[in-house]
Amino acid sequence: MNRPLHHFFEKDHRQIDQLLNLATANKDEIEMNYYHQFRTRLLRHIKMEEKILFPAARKINPEIIKEVIPQYRLEHGAITALMVPPPTATLINVIRYILEKHNLKEEEPNGLYDICENLTLDQSQELLEELMATKDVPVHSNNPAPIAVDAAKRALERAGYNYDDLVNLAND
């Protein structure tokens, strides 16, 4: 079966991953131009899901979406919070871990994208056009204040993750 929305979002995941890989290609230094592009694309991706995909699916079946969407929203909040502090090797390892788990849940069979696609089959072309026209989210400079990392840790906790545990997993 043709799954245009699923393919659109999955392709976007791969492009975002590639930008993060380019930003971290040199183990000794983060390439900030690529990291900025990564942040911008990732936040745009989240915006597309939150502002276009979720509302379209909710219109058709509010009950299914009420069960499925809350965890993704918590994870989107955590991912967004992780974009605020300046990148470090540790922070990037946490970001990679969260994105890997999050993206897998969205892409897997009967995952978020399949659920939303099945609900919006009659609107696929219209939604794709809207998704492609989505503007970037304005991205501010990273905030080096300790409160930025603390806020990211709290957002991760709300999503069911512990920052320190993820740091330890990434270092193993």
C-alpha atoms as a PDB file:
ATOM      1  CA  MET A   1       0.000   0.000   0.000  1.00  0.00           C
ATOM      2  CA  ASN A   2       1.155   3.497  -0.800  1.00  0.00           C
ATOM      3  CA  ARG A   3       2.068   5.302   2.442  1.00  0.00           C
ATOM      4  CA  PRO A   4       3.031   8.838   1.400  1.00  0.00           C
ATOM      5  CA  LEU A   5       2.881  10.427   4.865  1.00  0.00           C
ATOM      6  CA  HIS A   6       4.873   7.619   6.442  1.00  0.00           C
ATOM      7  CA  HIS A   7       7.510   7.878   3.711  1.00  0.00           C
ATOM      8  CA  PHE A   8       7.607  11.662   3.964  1.00  0.00           C
ATOM      9  CA  PHE A   9       8.296  11.623   7.715  1.00  0.00           C
ATOM     10  CA  GLU A  10      10.693   8.685   7.534  1.00  0.00           C
ATOM     11  CA  LYS A  11      12.731  10.435   4.825  1.00  0.00           C
ATOM     12  CA  ASP A  12      12.785  13.573   6.963  1.00  0.00           C
ATOM     13  CA  HIS A  13      14.109  11.518   9.906  1.00  0.00           C
ATOM     14  CA  ARG A  14      16.995  10.264   7.745  1.00  0.00           C
ATOM     15  CA  GLN A  15      17.857  13.778   6.567  1.00  0.00           C
ATOM     16  CA  ILE A  16      17.810  15.095  10.146  1.00  0.00           C
ATOM     17  CA  ASP A  17      20.021  12.181  11.255  1.00  0.00           C
ATOM     18  CA  GLN A  18      22.432  12.992   8.444  1.00  0.00           C
ATOM     19  CA  LEU A  19      22.727  16.615   9.586  1.00  0.00           C
ATOM     20  CA  LEU A  20      23.557  15.461  13.112  1.00  0.00           C
ATOM     21  CA  ASN A  21      26.135  13.035  11.695  1.00  0.00           C
ATOM     22  CA  LEU A  22      27.723  15.848   9.705  1.00  0.00           C
ATOM     23  CA  ALA A  23      27.759  18.092  12.788  1.00  0.00           C
ATOM     24  CA  THR A  24      29.594  15.409  14.755  1.00  0.00           C
ATOM     25  CA  ALA A  25      31.821  13.944  12.036  1.00  0.00           C
ATOM     26  CA  ASN A  26      34.896  15.377  13.768  1.00  0.00           C
ATOM     27  CA  LYS A  27      35.057  13.727  17.192  1.00  0.00           C
ATOM     28  CA  ASP A  28      36.970  16.706  18.621  1.00  0.00           C
ATOM     29  CA  GLU A  29      34.655  19.500  17.533  1.00  0.00           C
ATOM     30  CA  ILE A  30      30.983  20.014  16.753  1.00  0.00           C
ATOM     31  CA  GLU A  31      30.429  21.694  13.400  1.00  0.00           C
ATOM     32  CA  MET A  32      27.972  24.377  14.500  1.00  0.00           C
ATOM     33  CA  ASN A  33      26.677  25.219  11.012  1.00  0.00           C
ATOM     34  CA  TYR A  34      25.453  21.643  10.575  1.00  0.00           C
ATOM     35  CA  TYR A  35      24.239  21.526  14.174  1.00  0.00           C
ATOM     36  CA  HIS A  36      22.167  24.665  13.572  1.00  0.00           C
ATOM     37  CA  GLN A  37      20.679  23.044  10.448  1.00  0.00           C
ATOM     38  CA  PHE A  38      19.973  19.903  12.498  1.00  0.00           C
ATOM     39  CA  ARG A  39      18.166  21.914  15.199  1.00  0.00           C
ATOM     40  CA  THR A  40      16.143  23.860  12.636  1.00  0.00           C
ATOM     41  CA  ARG A  41      15.082  20.754  10.713  1.00  0.00           C
ATOM     42  CA  LEU A  42      14.275  18.795  13.869  1.00  0.00           C
ATOM     43  CA  LEU A  43      12.108  21.571  15.281  1.00  0.00           C
ATOM     44  CA  ARG A  44      10.355  21.942  11.907  1.00  0.00           C
ATOM     45  CA  HIS A  45       9.717  18.185  11.902  1.00  0.00           C
ATOM     46  CA  ILE A  46       8.143  18.355  15.360  1.00  0.00           C
ATOM     47  CA  LYS A  47       6.063  21.348  14.256  1.00  0.00           C
ATOM     48  CA  MET A  48       4.752  19.366  11.262  1.00  0.00           C
ATOM     49  CA  GLU A  49       3.659  16.511  13.501  1.00  0.00           C
ATOM     50  CA  GLU A  50       2.151  18.707  16.211  1.00  0.00           C
ATOM     51  CA  LYS A  51       0.445  21.328  14.036  1.00  0.00           C
ATOM     52  CA  ILE A  52      -0.579  19.305  10.964  1.00  0.00           C
ATOM     53  CA  LEU A  53      -0.464  15.518  11.403  1.00  0.00           C
ATOM     54  CA  PHE A  54      -1.899  15.206  14.924  1.00  0.00           C
ATOM     55  CA  PRO A  55      -4.814  17.639  14.396  1.00  0.00           C
ATOM     56  CA  ALA A  56      -5.770  15.958  11.090  1.00  0.00           C
ATOM     57  CA  ALA A  57      -5.837  12.525  12.716  1.00  0.00           C
ATOM     58  CA  ARG A  58      -7.668  13.830  15.803  1.00  0.00           C
ATOM     59  CA  LYS A  59     -10.470  15.281  13.658  1.00  0.00           C
ATOM     60  CA  ILE A  60     -11.221  11.822  12.338  1.00  0.00           C
ATOM     61  CA  ASN A  61     -10.863   9.767  15.513  1.00  0.00           C
ATOM     62  CA  PRO A  62     -10.358  11.731  18.724  1.00  0.00           C
ATOM     63  CA  GLU A  63     -10.420   8.628  20.935  1.00  0.00           C
ATOM     64  CA  ILE A  64      -7.560   6.767  19.246  1.00  0.00           C
ATOM     65  CA  ILE A  65      -5.448   9.884  19.149  1.00  0.00           C
ATOM     66  CA  LYS A  66      -6.213  10.633  22.816  1.00  0.00           C
ATOM     67  CA  GLU A  67      -4.609   7.290  23.664  1.00  0.00           C
ATOM     68  CA  VAL A  68      -1.608   7.579  21.340  1.00  0.00           C
ATOM     69  CA  ILE A  69      -0.526  11.223  21.159  1.00  0.00           C
ATOM     70  CA  PRO A  70       0.261  12.199  24.792  1.00  0.00           C
ATOM     71  CA  GLN A  71       3.529  10.243  25.017  1.00  0.00           C
ATOM     72  CA  TYR A  72       4.731  11.659  21.692  1.00  0.00           C
ATOM     73  CA  ARG A  73       3.929  15.158  22.920  1.00  0.00           C
ATOM     74  CA  LEU A  74       5.973  14.595  26.072  1.00  0.00           C
ATOM     75  CA  GLU A  75       8.878  13.314  23.982  1.00  0.00           C
ATOM     76  CA  HIS A  76       8.580  16.269  21.597  1.00  0.00           C
ATOM     77  CA  GLY A  77       8.812  18.574  24.611  1.00  0.00           C
ATOM     78  CA  ALA A  78      11.904  16.751  25.848  1.00  0.00           C
ATOM     79  CA  ILE A  79      13.564  16.817  22.412  1.00  0.00           C
ATOM     80  CA  THR A  80      12.791  20.511  22.063  1.00  0.00           C
ATOM     81  CA  ALA A  81      14.263  21.192  25.507  1.00  0.00           C
ATOM     82  CA  LEU A  82      17.420  19.302  24.519  1.00  0.00           C
ATOM     83  CA  MET A  83      17.875  21.793  21.649  1.00  0.00           C
ATOM     84  CA  VAL A  84      18.287  24.715  24.077  1.00  0.00           C
ATOM     85  CA  PRO A  85      21.659  24.095  25.788  1.00  0.00           C
ATOM     86  CA  PRO A  86      24.878  24.305  23.777  1.00  0.00           C
ATOM     87  CA  PRO A  87      25.766  20.924  22.297  1.00  0.00           C
ATOM     88  CA  THR A  88      28.329  18.784  24.071  1.00  0.00           C
ATOM     89  CA  ALA A  89      29.348  15.208  23.336  1.00  0.00           C
ATOM     90  CA  THR A  90      27.246  14.077  26.296  1.00  0.00           C
ATOM     91  CA  LEU A  91      24.184  16.052  25.246  1.00  0.00           C
ATOM     92  CA  ILE A  92      24.450  14.781  21.684  1.00  0.00           C
ATOM     93  CA  ASN A  93      24.644  11.188  22.906  1.00  0.00           C
ATOM     94  CA  VAL A  94      21.431  11.745  24.873  1.00  0.00           C
ATOM     95  CA  ILE A  95      19.781  13.388  21.847  1.00  0.00           C
ATOM     96  CA  ARG A  96      20.790  10.463  19.611  1.00  0.00           C
ATOM     97  CA  TYR A  97      19.411   7.937  22.094  1.00  0.00           C
ATOM     98  CA  ILE A  98      16.057   9.720  22.434  1.00  0.00           C
ATOM     99  CA  LEU A  99      15.708  10.263  18.692  1.00  0.00           C
ATOM    100  CA  GLU A 100      16.506   6.629  17.934  1.00  0.00           C
ATOM    101  CA  LYS A 101      13.811   5.377  20.344  1.00  0.00           C
ATOM    102  CA  HIS A 102      11.301   8.064  19.365  1.00  0.00           C
ATOM    103  CA  ASN A 103      11.737   7.629  15.610  1.00  0.00           C
ATOM    104  CA  LEU A 104      11.494   3.856  15.857  1.00  0.00           C
ATOM    105  CA  LYS A 105       8.136   4.123  17.657  1.00  0.00           C
ATOM    106  CA  GLU A 106       6.864   6.491  14.977  1.00  0.00           C
ATOM    107  CA  GLU A 107       8.100   4.409  12.031  1.00  0.00           C
ATOM    108  CA  GLU A 108       7.466   0.837  13.187  1.00  0.00           C
ATOM    109  CA  PRO A 109       4.542  -1.154  11.746  1.00  0.00           C
ATOM    110  CA  ASN A 110       1.358   0.015  13.481  1.00  0.00           C
ATOM    111  CA  GLY A 111       3.341   2.898  14.966  1.00  0.00           C
ATOM    112  CA  LEU A 112       2.356   6.548  14.998  1.00  0.00           C
ATOM    113  CA  TYR A 113       2.768   7.133  11.277  1.00  0.00           C
ATOM    114  CA  ASP A 114       0.735   4.074  10.315  1.00  0.00           C
ATOM    115  CA  ILE A 115      -2.023   5.051  12.750  1.00  0.00           C
ATOM    116  CA  CYS A 116      -2.187   8.619  11.470  1.00  0.00           C
ATOM    117  CA  GLU A 117      -1.907   7.568   7.838  1.00  0.00           C
ATOM    118  CA  ASN A 118      -4.764   5.095   8.183  1.00  0.00           C
ATOM    119  CA  LEU A 119      -6.941   7.802   9.716  1.00  0.00           C
ATOM    120  CA  THR A 120      -6.135  10.429   7.069  1.00  0.00           C
ATOM    121  CA  LEU A 121      -6.005   8.351   3.870  1.00  0.00           C
ATOM    122  CA  ASP A 122      -8.472  10.613   2.075  1.00  0.00           C
ATOM    123  CA  GLN A 123      -6.372  13.682   2.884  1.00  0.00           C
ATOM    124  CA  SER A 124      -2.862  12.417   2.096  1.00  0.00           C
ATOM    125  CA  GLN A 125      -2.137  14.713  -0.838  1.00  0.00           C
ATOM    126  CA  GLU A 126      -3.564  17.767   0.900  1.00  0.00           C
ATOM    127  CA  LEU A 127      -1.572  17.004   4.059  1.00  0.00           C
ATOM    128  CA  LEU A 128       1.641  16.423   2.081  1.00  0.00           C
ATOM    129  CA  GLU A 129       1.277  19.810   0.437  1.00  0.00           C
ATOM    130  CA  GLU A 130       0.729  21.454   3.804  1.00  0.00           C
ATOM    131  CA  LEU A 131       3.695  19.592   5.313  1.00  0.00           C
ATOM    132  CA  MET A 132       6.007  20.617   2.482  1.00  0.00           C
ATOM    133  CA  ALA A 133       4.946  24.258   2.861  1.00  0.00           C
ATOM    134  CA  THR A 134       5.711  24.308   6.605  1.00  0.00           C
ATOM    135  CA  LYS A 135       8.045  27.128   7.529  1.00  0.00           C
ATOM    136  CA  ASP A 136      11.035  26.699   9.809  1.00  0.00           C
ATOM    137  CA  VAL A 137      10.709  27.380  13.505  1.00  0.00           C
ATOM    138  CA  PRO A 138      12.762  30.435  14.532  1.00  0.00           C
ATOM    139  CA  VAL A 139      15.782  29.120  16.406  1.00  0.00           C
ATOM    140  CA  HIS A 140      17.514  31.203  19.040  1.00  0.00           C
ATOM    141  CA  SER A 141      21.127  30.840  20.071  1.00  0.00           C
ATOM    142  CA  ASN A 142      21.854  28.039  22.503  1.00  0.00           C
ATOM    143  CA  ASN A 143      21.463  28.994  26.152  1.00  0.00           C
ATOM    144  CA  PRO A 144      24.550  28.095  28.212  1.00  0.00           C
ATOM    145  CA  ALA A 145      22.845  28.792  31.565  1.00  0.00           C
ATOM    146  CA  PRO A 146      22.664  25.729  33.839  1.00  0.00           C
ATOM    147  CA  ILE A 147      18.903  26.220  34.020  1.00  0.00           C
ATOM    148  CA  ALA A 148      18.655  25.159  30.345  1.00  0.00           C
ATOM    149  CA  VAL A 149      20.119  21.725  31.083  1.00  0.00           C
ATOM    150  CA  ASP A 150      17.989  21.445  34.217  1.00  0.00           C
ATOM    151  CA  ALA A 151      14.849  22.206  32.196  1.00  0.00           C
ATOM    152  CA  ALA A 152      15.838  19.562  29.620  1.00  0.00           C
ATOM    153  CA  LYS A 153      16.342  17.020  32.406  1.00  0.00           C
ATOM    154  CA  ARG A 154      12.872  17.768  33.798  1.00  0.00           C
ATOM    155  CA  ALA A 155      11.292  17.487  30.350  1.00  0.00           C
ATOM    156  CA  LEU A 156      13.024  14.134  29.831  1.00  0.00           C
ATOM    157  CA  GLU A 157      11.736  12.960  33.198  1.00  0.00           C
ATOM    158  CA  ARG A 158       8.158  13.890  32.250  1.00  0.00           C
ATOM    159  CA  ALA A 159       8.618  11.803  29.083  1.00  0.00           C
ATOM    160  CA  GLY A 160       9.800   8.823  31.145  1.00  0.00           C
ATOM    161  CA  TYR A 161      13.562   9.154  30.745  1.00  0.00           C
ATOM    162  CA  ASN A 162      16.301   9.900  33.237  1.00  0.00           C
ATOM    163  CA  TYR A 163      19.075  12.102  31.847  1.00  0.00           C
ATOM    164  CA  ASP A 164      21.792  10.601  34.038  1.00  0.00           C
ATOM    165  CA  ASP A 165      20.771   7.049  33.105  1.00  0.00           C
ATOM    166  CA  LEU A 166      20.911   8.015  29.423  1.00  0.00           C
ATOM    167  CA  VAL A 167      24.374   9.518  29.896  1.00  0.00           C
ATOM    168  CA  ASN A 168      25.532   6.263  31.471  1.00  0.00           C
ATOM    169  CA  LEU A 169      23.939   4.198  28.657  1.00  0.00           C
ATOM    170  CA  ALA A 170      25.629   6.364  26.043  1.00  0.00           C
ATOM    171  CA  ASN A 171      29.016   5.934  27.739  1.00  0.00           C
ATOM    172  CA  ASP A 172      28.790   2.134  28.000  1.00  0.00           C
END
